[in-house]
Amino acid sequence: MFARAVLISIVVTLLAEPLILRLFGEQYIAAIPVLAIYVWSTVGVFVGVVVGKYLLAEDYIKTYFFITLFGAILNIALNIILIPRMGISGAAIATVVSYIMVSVPVIILLKLRKK
């Protein structure tokens, strides 16, 4: 899942400009960097789906709840900080960071726990 998400993110990042211009035209040129940033949230989403299914299957429902809550709070906090400074690109960065910060620590903890 991780490899697929990275591949999709690379392709969309490289094709962001022609995609936006062809689909929406010059008036949406400002969306190009936002798409190039936001597409990387797929890495967090793809990994998060796998992690979420694992946590639910292993009956870690409270853990899953708190991880999701942490992600939501982190996203809101980052949006409050980044949007005034960076505009819509800040919102995209906040989403990418919060999605990844929810999934990656869980994977690390699970790997450490198995040792």
N, C-alpha and C. Protein backbone atom coordinates (compact mmCIF):
# COMPACT_ATOMS: atom_id res chain seq x y z
N MET A 1 0.83 -1.18 0.00
CA MET A 1 0.00 0.00 0.00
C MET A 1 0.88 1.25 0.00
N PHE A 2 1.93 1.21 0.79
CA PHE A 2 2.83 2.36 0.87
C PHE A 2 3.44 2.65 -0.50
N ALA A 3 3.95 1.60 -1.15
CA ALA A 3 4.59 1.77 -2.45
C ALA A 3 3.61 2.32 -3.49
N ARG A 4 2.40 1.83 -3.47
CA ARG A 4 1.38 2.32 -4.41
C ARG A 4 1.06 3.78 -4.16
N ALA A 5 0.95 4.15 -2.90
CA ALA A 5 0.64 5.54 -2.56
C ALA A 5 1.77 6.46 -3.00
N VAL A 6 3.00 6.03 -2.79
CA VAL A 6 4.15 6.85 -3.21
C VAL A 6 4.17 6.97 -4.73
N LEU A 7 3.93 5.89 -5.43
CA LEU A 7 3.90 5.93 -6.90
C LEU A 7 2.82 6.89 -7.40
N ILE A 8 1.63 6.78 -6.86
CA ILE A 8 0.54 7.69 -7.25
C ILE A 8 0.93 9.14 -6.96
N SER A 9 1.52 9.37 -5.80
CA SER A 9 1.90 10.72 -5.41
C SER A 9 2.96 11.30 -6.34
N ILE A 10 3.93 10.49 -6.71
CA ILE A 10 4.97 10.96 -7.64
C ILE A 10 4.37 11.32 -8.99
N VAL A 11 3.54 10.43 -9.52
CA VAL A 11 2.94 10.67 -10.83
C VAL A 11 2.08 11.94 -10.82
N VAL A 12 1.23 12.08 -9.82
CA VAL A 12 0.35 13.25 -9.77
C VAL A 12 1.16 14.53 -9.54
N THR A 13 2.20 14.45 -8.71
CA THR A 13 3.05 15.62 -8.49
C THR A 13 3.69 16.06 -9.80
N LEU A 14 4.21 15.12 -10.56
CA LEU A 14 4.85 15.46 -11.83
C LEU A 14 3.85 15.95 -12.89
N LEU A 15 2.63 15.46 -12.81
CA LEU A 15 1.62 15.83 -13.80
C LEU A 15 0.63 16.89 -13.31
N ALA A 16 0.89 17.46 -12.15
CA ALA A 16 -0.06 18.42 -11.56
C ALA A 16 -0.37 19.57 -12.51
N GLU A 17 0.65 20.16 -13.09
CA GLU A 17 0.43 21.31 -13.97
C GLU A 17 -0.40 20.96 -15.21
N PRO A 18 0.01 19.96 -15.99
CA PRO A 18 -0.83 19.65 -17.16
C PRO A 18 -2.24 19.18 -16.79
N LEU A 19 -2.37 18.46 -15.68
CA LEU A 19 -3.70 18.02 -15.26
C LEU A 19 -4.62 19.20 -14.94
N ILE A 20 -4.13 20.11 -14.11
CA ILE A 20 -4.94 21.26 -13.73
C ILE A 20 -5.26 22.13 -14.94
N LEU A 21 -4.26 22.40 -15.77
CA LEU A 21 -4.49 23.27 -16.93
C LEU A 21 -5.45 22.65 -17.93
N ARG A 22 -5.31 21.36 -18.16
CA ARG A 22 -6.20 20.69 -19.13
C ARG A 22 -7.62 20.54 -18.60
N LEU A 23 -7.74 20.17 -17.33
CA LEU A 23 -9.06 19.93 -16.77
C LEU A 23 -9.82 21.21 -16.40
N PHE A 24 -9.08 22.22 -15.91
CA PHE A 24 -9.76 23.39 -15.37
C PHE A 24 -9.38 24.71 -16.02
N GLY A 25 -8.26 24.75 -16.71
CA GLY A 25 -7.86 25.96 -17.41
C GLY A 25 -6.96 26.87 -16.58
N GLU A 26 -6.54 27.96 -17.22
CA GLU A 26 -5.60 28.91 -16.62
C GLU A 26 -6.11 29.54 -15.32
N GLN A 27 -7.43 29.71 -15.20
CA GLN A 27 -7.95 30.37 -14.01
C GLN A 27 -7.71 29.56 -12.73
N TYR A 28 -7.32 28.30 -12.85
CA TYR A 28 -7.04 27.47 -11.69
C TYR A 28 -5.55 27.16 -11.52
N ILE A 29 -4.71 27.98 -12.08
CA ILE A 29 -3.27 27.76 -12.03
C ILE A 29 -2.74 27.73 -10.58
N ALA A 30 -3.39 28.46 -9.69
CA ALA A 30 -2.97 28.48 -8.28
C ALA A 30 -3.18 27.13 -7.59
N ALA A 31 -3.98 26.26 -8.19
CA ALA A 31 -4.24 24.95 -7.59
C ALA A 31 -3.10 23.96 -7.84
N ILE A 32 -2.21 24.27 -8.73
CA ILE A 32 -1.14 23.33 -9.09
C ILE A 32 -0.26 22.98 -7.88
N PRO A 33 0.31 23.96 -7.17
CA PRO A 33 1.14 23.57 -6.01
C PRO A 33 0.33 22.90 -4.91
N VAL A 34 -0.92 23.26 -4.77
CA VAL A 34 -1.77 22.65 -3.74
C VAL A 34 -1.98 21.17 -4.06
N LEU A 35 -2.27 20.86 -5.31
CA LEU A 35 -2.43 19.47 -5.71
C LEU A 35 -1.14 18.69 -5.51
N ALA A 36 -0.01 19.31 -5.88
CA ALA A 36 1.29 18.64 -5.75
C ALA A 36 1.63 18.33 -4.29
N ILE A 37 1.15 19.14 -3.37
CA ILE A 37 1.36 18.88 -1.94
C ILE A 37 0.32 17.89 -1.43
N TYR A 38 -0.94 18.17 -1.70
CA TYR A 38 -2.04 17.40 -1.11
C TYR A 38 -2.04 15.93 -1.54
N VAL A 39 -1.57 15.65 -2.74
CA VAL A 39 -1.58 14.27 -3.22
C VAL A 39 -0.74 13.36 -2.32
N TRP A 40 0.24 13.93 -1.62
CA TRP A 40 1.07 13.13 -0.73
C TRP A 40 0.31 12.65 0.50
N SER A 41 -0.87 13.20 0.74
CA SER A 41 -1.69 12.69 1.85
C SER A 41 -2.16 11.26 1.57
N THR A 42 -2.11 10.84 0.30
CA THR A 42 -2.51 9.46 -0.01
C THR A 42 -1.61 8.45 0.69
N VAL A 43 -0.35 8.82 0.92
CA VAL A 43 0.55 7.92 1.65
C VAL A 43 -0.02 7.66 3.05
N GLY A 44 -0.37 8.73 3.75
CA GLY A 44 -0.95 8.59 5.07
C GLY A 44 -2.29 7.88 5.06
N VAL A 45 -3.10 8.16 4.05
CA VAL A 45 -4.42 7.53 3.95
C VAL A 45 -4.28 6.03 3.70
N PHE A 46 -3.47 5.65 2.72
CA PHE A 46 -3.32 4.23 2.39
C PHE A 46 -2.78 3.45 3.59
N VAL A 47 -1.73 3.98 4.21
CA VAL A 47 -1.15 3.30 5.37
C VAL A 47 -2.13 3.33 6.54
N GLY A 48 -2.82 4.45 6.71
CA GLY A 48 -3.78 4.58 7.79
C GLY A 48 -4.93 3.58 7.70
N VAL A 49 -5.36 3.29 6.50
CA VAL A 49 -6.44 2.30 6.31
C VAL A 49 -5.96 0.93 6.79
N VAL A 50 -4.75 0.57 6.41
CA VAL A 50 -4.21 -0.73 6.83
C VAL A 50 -4.04 -0.77 8.34
N VAL A 51 -3.46 0.29 8.90
CA VAL A 51 -3.26 0.35 10.35
C VAL A 51 -4.60 0.30 11.07
N GLY A 52 -5.58 1.04 10.58
CA GLY A 52 -6.90 1.06 11.20
C GLY A 52 -7.56 -0.31 11.20
N LYS A 53 -7.47 -1.00 10.07
CA LYS A 53 -8.05 -2.34 10.00
C LYS A 53 -7.35 -3.30 10.96
N TYR A 54 -6.04 -3.16 11.06
CA TYR A 54 -5.30 -4.01 11.99
C TYR A 54 -5.73 -3.74 13.43
N LEU A 55 -5.79 -2.47 13.80
CA LEU A 55 -6.15 -2.12 15.18
C LEU A 55 -7.56 -2.60 15.52
N LEU A 56 -8.48 -2.48 14.57
CA LEU A 56 -9.84 -2.97 14.81
C LEU A 56 -9.88 -4.49 14.89
N ALA A 57 -9.12 -5.16 14.03
CA ALA A 57 -9.09 -6.63 14.05
C ALA A 57 -8.49 -7.16 15.35
N GLU A 58 -7.54 -6.44 15.90
CA GLU A 58 -6.90 -6.86 17.15
C GLU A 58 -7.62 -6.32 18.38
N ASP A 59 -8.75 -5.69 18.17
CA ASP A 59 -9.61 -5.16 19.23
C ASP A 59 -8.95 -4.02 20.02
N TYR A 60 -8.20 -3.19 19.30
CA TYR A 60 -7.62 -1.98 19.89
C TYR A 60 -8.50 -0.80 19.55
N ILE A 61 -9.76 -0.89 19.89
CA ILE A 61 -10.72 0.14 19.51
C ILE A 61 -10.42 1.47 20.20
N LYS A 62 -10.09 1.43 21.48
CA LYS A 62 -9.76 2.69 22.18
C LYS A 62 -8.49 3.32 21.60
N THR A 63 -7.52 2.50 21.31
CA THR A 63 -6.29 3.01 20.70
C THR A 63 -6.59 3.67 19.37
N TYR A 64 -7.40 3.01 18.57
CA TYR A 64 -7.78 3.55 17.26
C TYR A 64 -8.52 4.87 17.43
N PHE A 65 -9.40 4.95 18.40
CA PHE A 65 -10.13 6.19 18.67
C PHE A 65 -9.17 7.32 19.03
N PHE A 66 -8.24 7.06 19.95
CA PHE A 66 -7.33 8.11 20.40
C PHE A 66 -6.34 8.53 19.30
N ILE A 67 -5.94 7.59 18.48
CA ILE A 67 -5.06 7.93 17.35
C ILE A 67 -5.81 8.83 16.38
N THR A 68 -7.05 8.50 16.10
CA THR A 68 -7.86 9.31 15.20
C THR A 68 -8.11 10.69 15.81
N LEU A 69 -8.39 10.74 17.09
CA LEU A 69 -8.59 12.02 17.78
C LEU A 69 -7.32 12.87 17.73
N PHE A 70 -6.18 12.25 17.98
CA PHE A 70 -4.90 12.95 17.90
C PHE A 70 -4.71 13.54 16.50
N GLY A 71 -5.00 12.76 15.47
CA GLY A 71 -4.86 13.25 14.09
C GLY A 71 -5.75 14.45 13.81
N ALA A 72 -6.97 14.41 14.31
CA ALA A 72 -7.90 15.53 14.10
C ALA A 72 -7.42 16.78 14.82
N ILE A 73 -6.97 16.62 16.05
CA ILE A 73 -6.48 17.78 16.82
C ILE A 73 -5.22 18.35 16.17
N LEU A 74 -4.32 17.46 15.75
CA LEU A 74 -3.10 17.91 15.08
C LEU A 74 -3.43 18.67 13.80
N ASN A 75 -4.37 18.15 13.02
CA ASN A 75 -4.76 18.81 11.77
C ASN A 75 -5.34 20.20 12.04
N ILE A 76 -6.19 20.32 13.02
CA ILE A 76 -6.78 21.62 13.36
C ILE A 76 -5.70 22.60 13.81
N ALA A 77 -4.80 22.13 14.69
CA ALA A 77 -3.73 22.99 15.18
C ALA A 77 -2.82 23.46 14.05
N LEU A 78 -2.44 22.53 13.18
CA LEU A 78 -1.58 22.90 12.06
C LEU A 78 -2.28 23.85 11.10
N ASN A 79 -3.57 23.65 10.89
CA ASN A 79 -4.32 24.58 10.04
C ASN A 79 -4.34 25.98 10.64
N ILE A 80 -4.53 26.07 11.95
CA ILE A 80 -4.54 27.38 12.62
C ILE A 80 -3.19 28.08 12.45
N ILE A 81 -2.11 27.31 12.51
CA ILE A 81 -0.76 27.88 12.38
C ILE A 81 -0.41 28.18 10.92
N LEU A 82 -0.68 27.23 10.03
CA LEU A 82 -0.17 27.32 8.67
C LEU A 82 -1.02 28.13 7.69
N ILE A 83 -2.33 28.11 7.84
CA ILE A 83 -3.17 28.83 6.87
C ILE A 83 -2.89 30.32 6.87
N PRO A 84 -2.78 30.99 8.03
CA PRO A 84 -2.48 32.43 7.97
C PRO A 84 -1.12 32.74 7.32
N ARG A 85 -0.17 31.82 7.44
CA ARG A 85 1.17 32.05 6.90
C ARG A 85 1.30 31.63 5.45
N MET A 86 0.61 30.55 5.06
CA MET A 86 0.84 29.96 3.74
C MET A 86 -0.41 29.83 2.89
N GLY A 87 -1.54 30.19 3.43
CA GLY A 87 -2.78 30.08 2.66
C GLY A 87 -3.19 28.63 2.46
N ILE A 88 -3.76 28.36 1.30
CA ILE A 88 -4.29 27.02 1.02
C ILE A 88 -3.19 25.96 0.97
N SER A 89 -1.98 26.36 0.61
CA SER A 89 -0.86 25.40 0.65
C SER A 89 -0.59 24.96 2.08
N GLY A 90 -0.77 25.86 3.03
CA GLY A 90 -0.62 25.50 4.44
C GLY A 90 -1.64 24.47 4.87
N ALA A 91 -2.86 24.59 4.36
CA ALA A 91 -3.89 23.60 4.68
C ALA A 91 -3.52 22.23 4.11
N ALA A 92 -2.97 22.22 2.90
CA ALA A 92 -2.55 20.96 2.29
C ALA A 92 -1.41 20.33 3.09
N ILE A 93 -0.46 21.15 3.50
CA ILE A 93 0.66 20.64 4.31
C ILE A 93 0.16 20.11 5.64
N ALA A 94 -0.77 20.80 6.27
CA ALA A 94 -1.33 20.35 7.54
C ALA A 94 -1.97 18.98 7.40
N THR A 95 -2.68 18.77 6.32
CA THR A 95 -3.33 17.48 6.08
C THR A 95 -2.31 16.38 5.89
N VAL A 96 -1.31 16.63 5.06
CA VAL A 96 -0.28 15.61 4.82
C VAL A 96 0.43 15.25 6.11
N VAL A 97 0.86 16.24 6.87
CA VAL A 97 1.58 15.99 8.11
C VAL A 97 0.71 15.23 9.11
N SER A 98 -0.53 15.64 9.27
CA SER A 98 -1.38 14.98 10.27
C SER A 98 -1.69 13.54 9.88
N TYR A 99 -1.92 13.28 8.60
CA TYR A 99 -2.18 11.90 8.17
C TYR A 99 -0.97 11.01 8.42
N ILE A 100 0.21 11.52 8.09
CA ILE A 100 1.41 10.72 8.26
C ILE A 100 1.75 10.55 9.74
N MET A 101 1.54 11.59 10.53
CA MET A 101 1.84 11.52 11.96
C MET A 101 0.90 10.59 12.72
N VAL A 102 -0.20 10.23 12.13
CA VAL A 102 -1.11 9.28 12.76
C VAL A 102 -0.66 7.86 12.44
N SER A 103 -0.26 7.60 11.23
CA SER A 103 0.04 6.23 10.79
C SER A 103 1.44 5.77 11.15
N VAL A 104 2.43 6.59 10.89
CA VAL A 104 3.82 6.16 11.05
C VAL A 104 4.16 5.78 12.49
N PRO A 105 3.81 6.58 13.51
CA PRO A 105 4.14 6.16 14.88
C PRO A 105 3.49 4.83 15.28
N VAL A 106 2.30 4.57 14.80
CA VAL A 106 1.63 3.30 15.13
C VAL A 106 2.42 2.13 14.55
N ILE A 107 2.88 2.28 13.32
CA ILE A 107 3.67 1.21 12.69
C ILE A 107 4.96 0.99 13.48
N ILE A 108 5.62 2.06 13.87
CA ILE A 108 6.86 1.94 14.65
C ILE A 108 6.59 1.25 15.98
N LEU A 109 5.53 1.66 16.66
CA LEU A 109 5.19 1.02 17.94
C LEU A 109 4.88 -0.45 17.78
N LEU A 110 4.16 -0.81 16.72
CA LEU A 110 3.82 -2.21 16.49
C LEU A 110 5.08 -3.03 16.20
N LYS A 111 6.01 -2.45 15.45
CA LYS A 111 7.26 -3.17 15.16
C LYS A 111 8.09 -3.35 16.42
N LEU A 112 8.16 -2.31 17.26
CA LEU A 112 8.91 -2.40 18.51
C LEU A 112 8.28 -3.40 19.47
N ARG A 113 6.97 -3.46 19.44
CA ARG A 113 6.24 -4.35 20.34
C ARG A 113 6.50 -5.82 20.02
N LYS A 114 6.71 -6.13 18.74
CA LYS A 114 6.92 -7.52 18.33
C LYS A 114 8.30 -8.03 18.72
N LYS A 115 9.23 -7.13 19.02
CA LYS A 115 10.59 -7.57 19.36
C LYS A 115 10.69 -8.04 20.79
